[in-house]
């Protein structure tokens, strides 16, 4: 199997992070609209992040994590994804 390119690695990281955020949001019983209300980020943007189509900057990730009321341990797990 050929080695992954840097672009492929980045896309994989985005997908893992987005999936982790979606699972955490669902576990918290929140909708994308709920997260939007707490963060000011648009639903399409949040949806794109969850699907791995967009990257999320650390400051925005922090606001999403805060909106979900995740523990520090849970937040670090998402960031490391």
PDB file of N, CA and C in Angstrom:
ATOM      1  N   UNK A   1       0.852  -1.185   0.000  1.00  0.00           N
ATOM      2  CA  UNK A   1       0.000   0.000   0.000  1.00  0.00           C
ATOM      3  C   UNK A   1       0.896   1.246   0.000  1.00  0.00           C
ATOM      4  N   UNK A   2       0.637   2.198  -0.907  1.00  0.00           N
ATOM      5  CA  UNK A   2       1.473   3.392  -0.981  1.00  0.00           C
ATOM      6  C   UNK A   2       1.283   4.279   0.249  1.00  0.00           C
ATOM      7  N   UNK A   3       2.335   5.028   0.565  1.00  0.00           N
ATOM      8  CA  UNK A   3       2.273   5.961   1.686  1.00  0.00           C
ATOM      9  C   UNK A   3       1.266   7.062   1.392  1.00  0.00           C
ATOM     10  N   UNK A   4       0.629   7.536   2.470  1.00  0.00           N
ATOM     11  CA  UNK A   4      -0.312   8.641   2.307  1.00  0.00           C
ATOM     12  C   UNK A   4       0.454   9.946   2.109  1.00  0.00           C
ATOM     13  N   UNK A   5      -0.096  10.788   1.256  1.00  0.00           N
ATOM     14  CA  UNK A   5       0.486  12.108   1.064  1.00  0.00           C
ATOM     15  C   UNK A   5       0.097  12.990   2.245  1.00  0.00           C
ATOM     16  N   UNK A   6       0.751  14.115   2.360  1.00  0.00           N
ATOM     17  CA  UNK A   6       0.434  15.062   3.441  1.00  0.00           C
ATOM     18  C   UNK A   6      -1.022  15.531   3.337  1.00  0.00           C
ATOM     19  N   UNK A   7      -1.491  15.716   2.127  1.00  0.00           N
ATOM     20  CA  UNK A   7      -2.883  16.147   1.921  1.00  0.00           C
ATOM     21  C   UNK A   7      -3.839  15.068   2.408  1.00  0.00           C
ATOM     22  N   UNK A   8      -3.548  13.813   2.086  1.00  0.00           N
ATOM     23  CA  UNK A   8      -4.403  12.713   2.543  1.00  0.00           C
ATOM     24  C   UNK A   8      -4.394  12.603   4.064  1.00  0.00           C
ATOM     25  N   UNK A   9      -3.236  12.809   4.672  1.00  0.00           N
ATOM     26  CA  UNK A   9      -3.139  12.774   6.135  1.00  0.00           C
ATOM     27  C   UNK A   9      -3.982  13.892   6.757  1.00  0.00           C
ATOM     28  N   UNK A  10      -3.917  15.067   6.160  1.00  0.00           N
ATOM     29  CA  UNK A  10      -4.695  16.207   6.664  1.00  0.00           C
ATOM     30  C   UNK A  10      -6.187  15.938   6.527  1.00  0.00           C
ATOM     31  N   UNK A  11      -6.606  15.388   5.404  1.00  0.00           N
ATOM     32  CA  UNK A  11      -8.026  15.072   5.213  1.00  0.00           C
ATOM     33  C   UNK A  11      -8.488  14.016   6.214  1.00  0.00           C
ATOM     34  N   UNK A  12      -7.655  13.027   6.475  1.00  0.00           N
ATOM     35  CA  UNK A  12      -7.986  12.012   7.483  1.00  0.00           C
ATOM     36  C   UNK A  12      -8.136  12.645   8.860  1.00  0.00           C
ATOM     37  N   UNK A  13      -7.231  13.571   9.202  1.00  0.00           N
ATOM     38  CA  UNK A  13      -7.303  14.248  10.508  1.00  0.00           C
ATOM     39  C   UNK A  13      -8.590  15.052  10.619  1.00  0.00           C
ATOM     40  N   UNK A  14      -8.946  15.756   9.553  1.00  0.00           N
ATOM     41  CA  UNK A  14     -10.195  16.531   9.573  1.00  0.00           C
ATOM     42  C   UNK A  14     -11.405  15.630   9.781  1.00  0.00           C
ATOM     43  N   UNK A  15     -11.428  14.496   9.094  1.00  0.00           N
ATOM     44  CA  UNK A  15     -12.555  13.565   9.230  1.00  0.00           C
ATOM     45  C   UNK A  15     -12.646  12.997  10.643  1.00  0.00           C
ATOM     46  N   UNK A  16     -11.505  12.622  11.208  1.00  0.00           N
ATOM     47  CA  UNK A  16     -11.499  12.085  12.580  1.00  0.00           C
ATOM     48  C   UNK A  16     -11.959  13.137  13.586  1.00  0.00           C
ATOM     49  N   UNK A  17     -11.457  14.362  13.430  1.00  0.00           N
ATOM     50  CA  UNK A  17     -11.850  15.446  14.334  1.00  0.00           C
ATOM     51  C   UNK A  17     -13.333  15.740  14.198  1.00  0.00           C
ATOM     52  N   UNK A  18     -13.811  15.848  12.970  1.00  0.00           N
ATOM     53  CA  UNK A  18     -15.225  16.121  12.732  1.00  0.00           C
ATOM     54  C   UNK A  18     -16.120  15.038  13.296  1.00  0.00           C
ATOM     55  N   UNK A  19     -15.733  13.792  13.096  1.00  0.00           N
ATOM     56  CA  UNK A  19     -16.515  12.671  13.619  1.00  0.00           C
ATOM     57  C   UNK A  19     -16.538  12.711  15.145  1.00  0.00           C
ATOM     58  N   UNK A  20     -15.397  13.001  15.766  1.00  0.00           N
ATOM     59  CA  UNK A  20     -15.337  13.086  17.221  1.00  0.00           C
ATOM     60  C   UNK A  20     -16.231  14.216  17.739  1.00  0.00           C
ATOM     61  N   UNK A  21     -16.237  15.342  17.038  1.00  0.00           N
ATOM     62  CA  UNK A  21     -17.100  16.459  17.444  1.00  0.00           C
ATOM     63  C   UNK A  21     -18.582  16.093  17.314  1.00  0.00           C
ATOM     64  N   UNK A  22     -18.930  15.436  16.218  1.00  0.00           N
ATOM     65  CA  UNK A  22     -20.333  15.029  16.028  1.00  0.00           C
ATOM     66  C   UNK A  22     -20.770  14.062  17.117  1.00  0.00           C
ATOM     67  N   UNK A  23     -19.941  13.078  17.408  1.00  0.00           N
ATOM     68  CA  UNK A  23     -20.285  12.108  18.452  1.00  0.00           C
ATOM     69  C   UNK A  23     -20.424  12.789  19.819  1.00  0.00           C
ATOM     70  N   UNK A  24     -19.519  13.713  20.119  1.00  0.00           N
ATOM     71  CA  UNK A  24     -19.587  14.437  21.391  1.00  0.00           C
ATOM     72  C   UNK A  24     -20.844  15.299  21.464  1.00  0.00           C
ATOM     73  N   UNK A  25     -21.176  15.949  20.348  1.00  0.00           N
ATOM     74  CA  UNK A  25     -22.383  16.793  20.314  1.00  0.00           C
ATOM     75  C   UNK A  25     -23.628  15.949  20.534  1.00  0.00           C
ATOM     76  N   UNK A  26     -23.699  14.815  19.838  1.00  0.00           N
ATOM     77  CA  UNK A  26     -24.860  13.937  19.984  1.00  0.00           C
ATOM     78  C   UNK A  26     -24.942  13.372  21.403  1.00  0.00           C
ATOM     79  N   UNK A  27     -23.786  13.011  21.973  1.00  0.00           N
ATOM     80  CA  UNK A  27     -23.757  12.496  23.345  1.00  0.00           C
ATOM     81  C   UNK A  27     -24.269  13.549  24.327  1.00  0.00           C
ATOM     82  N   UNK A  28     -23.962  14.819  24.044  1.00  0.00           N
ATOM     83  CA  UNK A  28     -24.406  15.925  24.896  1.00  0.00           C
ATOM     84  C   UNK A  28     -25.877  16.267  24.667  1.00  0.00           C
ATOM     85  N   UNK A  29     -26.500  15.627  23.667  1.00  0.00           N
ATOM     86  CA  UNK A  29     -27.904  15.889  23.372  1.00  0.00           C
ATOM     87  C   UNK A  29     -28.142  17.230  22.706  1.00  0.00           C
ATOM     88  N   UNK A  30     -27.148  17.716  21.974  1.00  0.00           N
ATOM     89  CA  UNK A  30     -27.249  19.013  21.321  1.00  0.00           C
ATOM     90  C   UNK A  30     -27.431  18.860  19.821  1.00  0.00           C
ATOM     91  N   UNK A  31     -28.121  19.818  19.238  1.00  0.00           N
ATOM     92  CA  UNK A  31     -28.240  19.893  17.782  1.00  0.00           C
ATOM     93  C   UNK A  31     -27.208  20.893  17.276  1.00  0.00           C
ATOM     94  N   UNK A  32     -27.025  20.913  15.967  1.00  0.00           N
ATOM     95  CA  UNK A  32     -26.133  21.924  15.392  1.00  0.00           C
ATOM     96  C   UNK A  32     -26.653  23.330  15.692  1.00  0.00           C
ATOM     97  N   UNK A  33     -27.960  23.491  15.711  1.00  0.00           N
ATOM     98  CA  UNK A  33     -28.547  24.793  16.027  1.00  0.00           C
ATOM     99  C   UNK A  33     -28.215  25.210  17.462  1.00  0.00           C
ATOM    100  N   UNK A  34     -28.242  24.251  18.389  1.00  0.00           N
ATOM    101  CA  UNK A  34     -27.864  24.550  19.781  1.00  0.00           C
ATOM    102  C   UNK A  34     -26.427  25.062  19.848  1.00  0.00           C
ATOM    103  N   UNK A  35     -25.525  24.384  19.139  1.00  0.00           N
ATOM    104  CA  UNK A  35     -24.121  24.786  19.149  1.00  0.00           C
ATOM    105  C   UNK A  35     -23.970  26.160  18.500  1.00  0.00           C
ATOM    106  N   UNK A  36     -24.714  26.402  17.426  1.00  0.00           N
ATOM    107  CA  UNK A  36     -24.684  27.710  16.763  1.00  0.00           C
ATOM    108  C   UNK A  36     -25.080  28.819  17.727  1.00  0.00           C
ATOM    109  N   UNK A  37     -26.130  28.571  18.503  1.00  0.00           N
ATOM    110  CA  UNK A  37     -26.615  29.589  19.443  1.00  0.00           C
ATOM    111  C   UNK A  37     -25.563  29.941  20.487  1.00  0.00           C
ATOM    112  N   UNK A  38     -24.753  28.977  20.889  1.00  0.00           N
ATOM    113  CA  UNK A  38     -23.733  29.210  21.917  1.00  0.00           C
ATOM    114  C   UNK A  38     -22.424  29.757  21.359  1.00  0.00           C
ATOM    115  N   UNK A  39     -22.170  29.498  20.077  1.00  0.00           N
ATOM    116  CA  UNK A  39     -20.876  29.874  19.516  1.00  0.00           C
ATOM    117  C   UNK A  39     -20.930  31.000  18.496  1.00  0.00           C
ATOM    118  N   UNK A  40     -22.087  31.183  17.878  1.00  0.00           N
ATOM    119  CA  UNK A  40     -22.190  32.170  16.804  1.00  0.00           C
ATOM    120  C   UNK A  40     -21.697  31.646  15.466  1.00  0.00           C
ATOM    121  N   UNK A  41     -21.242  30.389  15.432  1.00  0.00           N
ATOM    122  CA  UNK A  41     -20.794  29.782  14.176  1.00  0.00           C
ATOM    123  C   UNK A  41     -22.012  29.293  13.411  1.00  0.00           C
ATOM    124  N   UNK A  42     -21.974  29.374  12.104  1.00  0.00           N
ATOM    125  CA  UNK A  42     -23.140  28.997  11.315  1.00  0.00           C
ATOM    126  C   UNK A  42     -23.326  27.478  11.286  1.00  0.00           C
ATOM    127  N   UNK A  43     -24.574  27.069  11.117  1.00  0.00           N
ATOM    128  CA  UNK A  43     -24.888  25.641  11.013  1.00  0.00           C
ATOM    129  C   UNK A  43     -24.169  25.016   9.813  1.00  0.00           C
ATOM    130  N   UNK A  44     -24.167  25.656   8.624  1.00  0.00           N
ATOM    131  CA  UNK A  44     -23.424  25.050   7.503  1.00  0.00           C
ATOM    132  C   UNK A  44     -21.932  24.866   7.814  1.00  0.00           C
ATOM    133  N   UNK A  45     -21.330  25.848   8.485  1.00  0.00           N
ATOM    134  CA  UNK A  45     -19.913  25.729   8.852  1.00  0.00           C
ATOM    135  C   UNK A  45     -19.712  24.550   9.798  1.00  0.00           C
ATOM    136  N   UNK A  46     -20.525  24.471  10.851  1.00  0.00           N
ATOM    137  CA  UNK A  46     -20.409  23.382  11.822  1.00  0.00           C
ATOM    138  C   UNK A  46     -20.620  22.029  11.151  1.00  0.00           C
ATOM    139  N   UNK A  47     -21.583  21.960  10.254  1.00  0.00           N
ATOM    140  CA  UNK A  47     -21.849  20.724   9.531  1.00  0.00           C
ATOM    141  C   UNK A  47     -20.650  20.336   8.660  1.00  0.00           C
ATOM    142  N   UNK A  48     -20.066  21.308   7.977  1.00  0.00           N
ATOM    143  CA  UNK A  48     -18.879  21.038   7.157  1.00  0.00           C
ATOM    144  C   UNK A  48     -17.718  20.528   8.009  1.00  0.00           C
ATOM    145  N   UNK A  49     -17.547  21.099   9.185  1.00  0.00           N
ATOM    146  CA  UNK A  49     -16.484  20.650  10.088  1.00  0.00           C
ATOM    147  C   UNK A  49     -16.743  19.211  10.514  1.00  0.00           C
ATOM    148  N   UNK A  50     -17.969  18.912  10.902  1.00  0.00           N
ATOM    149  CA  UNK A  50     -18.308  17.555  11.351  1.00  0.00           C
ATOM    150  C   UNK A  50     -18.121  16.523  10.243  1.00  0.00           C
ATOM    151  N   UNK A  51     -18.334  16.921   9.003  1.00  0.00           N
ATOM    152  CA  UNK A  51     -18.173  15.992   7.881  1.00  0.00           C
ATOM    153  C   UNK A  51     -16.730  15.933   7.389  1.00  0.00           C
ATOM    154  N   UNK A  52     -15.865  16.756   7.978  1.00  0.00           N
ATOM    155  CA  UNK A  52     -14.461  16.756   7.577  1.00  0.00           C
ATOM    156  C   UNK A  52     -14.178  17.556   6.332  1.00  0.00           C
ATOM    157  N   UNK A  53     -15.139  18.374   5.903  1.00  0.00           N
ATOM    158  CA  UNK A  53     -14.959  19.175   4.696  1.00  0.00           C
ATOM    159  C   UNK A  53     -14.250  20.498   4.956  1.00  0.00           C
ATOM    160  N   UNK A  54     -14.197  20.900   6.223  1.00  0.00           N
ATOM    161  CA  UNK A  54     -13.512  22.147   6.594  1.00  0.00           C
ATOM    162  C   UNK A  54     -12.700  21.898   7.840  1.00  0.00           C
ATOM    163  N   UNK A  55     -11.636  22.646   7.962  1.00  0.00           N
ATOM    164  CA  UNK A  55     -10.823  22.600   9.165  1.00  0.00           C
ATOM    165  C   UNK A  55     -11.416  23.583  10.169  1.00  0.00           C
ATOM    166  N   UNK A  56     -11.095  23.397  11.436  1.00  0.00           N
ATOM    167  CA  UNK A  56     -11.571  24.314  12.466  1.00  0.00           C
ATOM    168  C   UNK A  56     -10.363  24.849  13.217  1.00  0.00           C
ATOM    169  N   UNK A  57     -10.300  26.151  13.357  1.00  0.00           N
ATOM    170  CA  UNK A  57      -9.199  26.801  14.066  1.00  0.00           C
ATOM    171  C   UNK A  57      -9.340  26.533  15.560  1.00  0.00           C
ATOM    172  N   UNK A  58      -8.222  26.497  16.288  1.00  0.00           N
ATOM    173  CA  UNK A  58      -8.277  26.205  17.719  1.00  0.00           C
ATOM    174  C   UNK A  58      -9.227  27.094  18.521  1.00  0.00           C
ATOM    175  N   UNK A  59      -9.297  28.383  18.213  1.00  0.00           N
ATOM    176  CA  UNK A  59     -10.178  29.268  18.979  1.00  0.00           C
ATOM    177  C   UNK A  59     -11.648  28.907  18.746  1.00  0.00           C
ATOM    178  N   UNK A  60     -11.991  28.521  17.524  1.00  0.00           N
ATOM    179  CA  UNK A  60     -13.362  28.105  17.239  1.00  0.00           C
ATOM    180  C   UNK A  60     -13.643  26.736  17.846  1.00  0.00           C
ATOM    181  N   UNK A  61     -12.646  25.857  17.805  1.00  0.00           N
ATOM    182  CA  UNK A  61     -12.792  24.548  18.432  1.00  0.00           C
ATOM    183  C   UNK A  61     -13.046  24.718  19.928  1.00  0.00           C
ATOM    184  N   UNK A  62     -12.335  25.643  20.536  1.00  0.00           N
ATOM    185  CA  UNK A  62     -12.529  25.912  21.962  1.00  0.00           C
ATOM    186  C   UNK A  62     -13.959  26.362  22.240  1.00  0.00           C
ATOM    187  N   UNK A  63     -14.515  27.227  21.403  1.00  0.00           N
ATOM    188  CA  UNK A  63     -15.885  27.701  21.632  1.00  0.00           C
ATOM    189  C   UNK A  63     -16.896  26.563  21.466  1.00  0.00           C
ATOM    190  N   UNK A  64     -16.641  25.652  20.523  1.00  0.00           N
ATOM    191  CA  UNK A  64     -17.530  24.501  20.327  1.00  0.00           C
ATOM    192  C   UNK A  64     -17.447  23.572  21.534  1.00  0.00           C
ATOM    193  N   UNK A  65     -16.224  23.301  21.987  1.00  0.00           N
ATOM    194  CA  UNK A  65     -16.023  22.429  23.151  1.00  0.00           C
ATOM    195  C   UNK A  65     -16.684  23.026  24.383  1.00  0.00           C
ATOM    196  N   UNK A  66     -16.568  24.333  24.549  1.00  0.00           N
ATOM    197  CA  UNK A  66     -17.204  25.012  25.684  1.00  0.00           C
ATOM    198  C   UNK A  66     -18.724  24.912  25.583  1.00  0.00           C
ATOM    199  N   UNK A  67     -19.262  25.083  24.392  1.00  0.00           N
ATOM    200  CA  UNK A  67     -20.713  24.988  24.194  1.00  0.00           C
ATOM    201  C   UNK A  67     -21.230  23.595  24.538  1.00  0.00           C
ATOM    202  N   UNK A  68     -20.410  22.577  24.284  1.00  0.00           N
ATOM    203  CA  UNK A  68     -20.810  21.201  24.572  1.00  0.00           C
ATOM    204  C   UNK A  68     -20.565  20.811  26.029  1.00  0.00           C
ATOM    205  N   UNK A  69     -19.901  21.711  26.769  1.00  0.00           N
ATOM    206  CA  UNK A  69     -19.575  21.467  28.181  1.00  0.00           C
ATOM    207  C   UNK A  69     -18.783  20.168  28.370  1.00  0.00           C
ATOM    208  N   UNK A  70     -17.779  20.010  27.524  1.00  0.00           N
ATOM    209  CA  UNK A  70     -16.944  18.820  27.612  1.00  0.00           C
ATOM    210  C   UNK A  70     -15.892  18.990  28.689  1.00  0.00           C
ATOM    211  N   UNK A  71     -15.494  17.885  29.280  1.00  0.00           N
ATOM    212  CA  UNK A  71     -14.406  17.905  30.258  1.00  0.00           C
ATOM    213  C   UNK A  71     -13.097  18.154  29.520  1.00  0.00           C
ATOM    214  N   UNK A  72     -12.066  18.519  30.284  1.00  0.00           N
ATOM    215  CA  UNK A  72     -10.755  18.744  29.684  1.00  0.00           C
ATOM    216  C   UNK A  72     -10.262  17.474  29.000  1.00  0.00           C
ATOM    217  N   UNK A  73     -10.501  16.332  29.615  1.00  0.00           N
ATOM    218  CA  UNK A  73     -10.069  15.051  29.042  1.00  0.00           C
ATOM    219  C   UNK A  73     -10.765  14.782  27.707  1.00  0.00           C
ATOM    220  N   UNK A  74     -12.072  15.031  27.654  1.00  0.00           N
ATOM    221  CA  UNK A  74     -12.816  14.842  26.400  1.00  0.00           C
ATOM    222  C   UNK A  74     -12.325  15.811  25.326  1.00  0.00           C
ATOM    223  N   UNK A  75     -12.068  17.050  25.722  1.00  0.00           N
ATOM    224  CA  UNK A  75     -11.615  18.066  24.775  1.00  0.00           C
ATOM    225  C   UNK A  75     -10.254  17.703  24.196  1.00  0.00           C
ATOM    226  N   UNK A  76      -9.354  17.240  25.033  1.00  0.00           N
ATOM    227  CA  UNK A  76      -8.025  16.853  24.553  1.00  0.00           C
ATOM    228  C   UNK A  76      -8.157  15.679  23.578  1.00  0.00           C
ATOM    229  N   UNK A  77      -9.058  14.776  23.856  1.00  0.00           N
ATOM    230  CA  UNK A  77      -9.283  13.646  22.952  1.00  0.00           C
ATOM    231  C   UNK A  77      -9.718  14.106  21.579  1.00  0.00           C
ATOM    232  N   UNK A  78     -10.577  15.084  21.520  1.00  0.00           N
ATOM    233  CA  UNK A  78     -11.033  15.615  20.234  1.00  0.00           C
ATOM    234  C   UNK A  78      -9.897  16.325  19.524  1.00  0.00           C
ATOM    235  N   UNK A  79      -9.156  17.142  20.252  1.00  0.00           N
ATOM    236  CA  UNK A  79      -8.082  17.902  19.641  1.00  0.00           C
ATOM    237  C   UNK A  79      -7.000  16.989  19.074  1.00  0.00           C
ATOM    238  N   UNK A  80      -6.771  15.868  19.739  1.00  0.00           N
ATOM    239  CA  UNK A  80      -5.748  14.923  19.279  1.00  0.00           C
ATOM    240  C   UNK A  80      -6.210  14.105  18.099  1.00  0.00           C
ATOM    241  N   UNK A  81      -7.533  14.046  17.880  1.00  0.00           N
ATOM    242  CA  UNK A  81      -8.057  13.277  16.742  1.00  0.00           C
ATOM    243  C   UNK A  81      -7.432  13.855  15.512  1.00  0.00           C
TER     244      UNK A  81
END
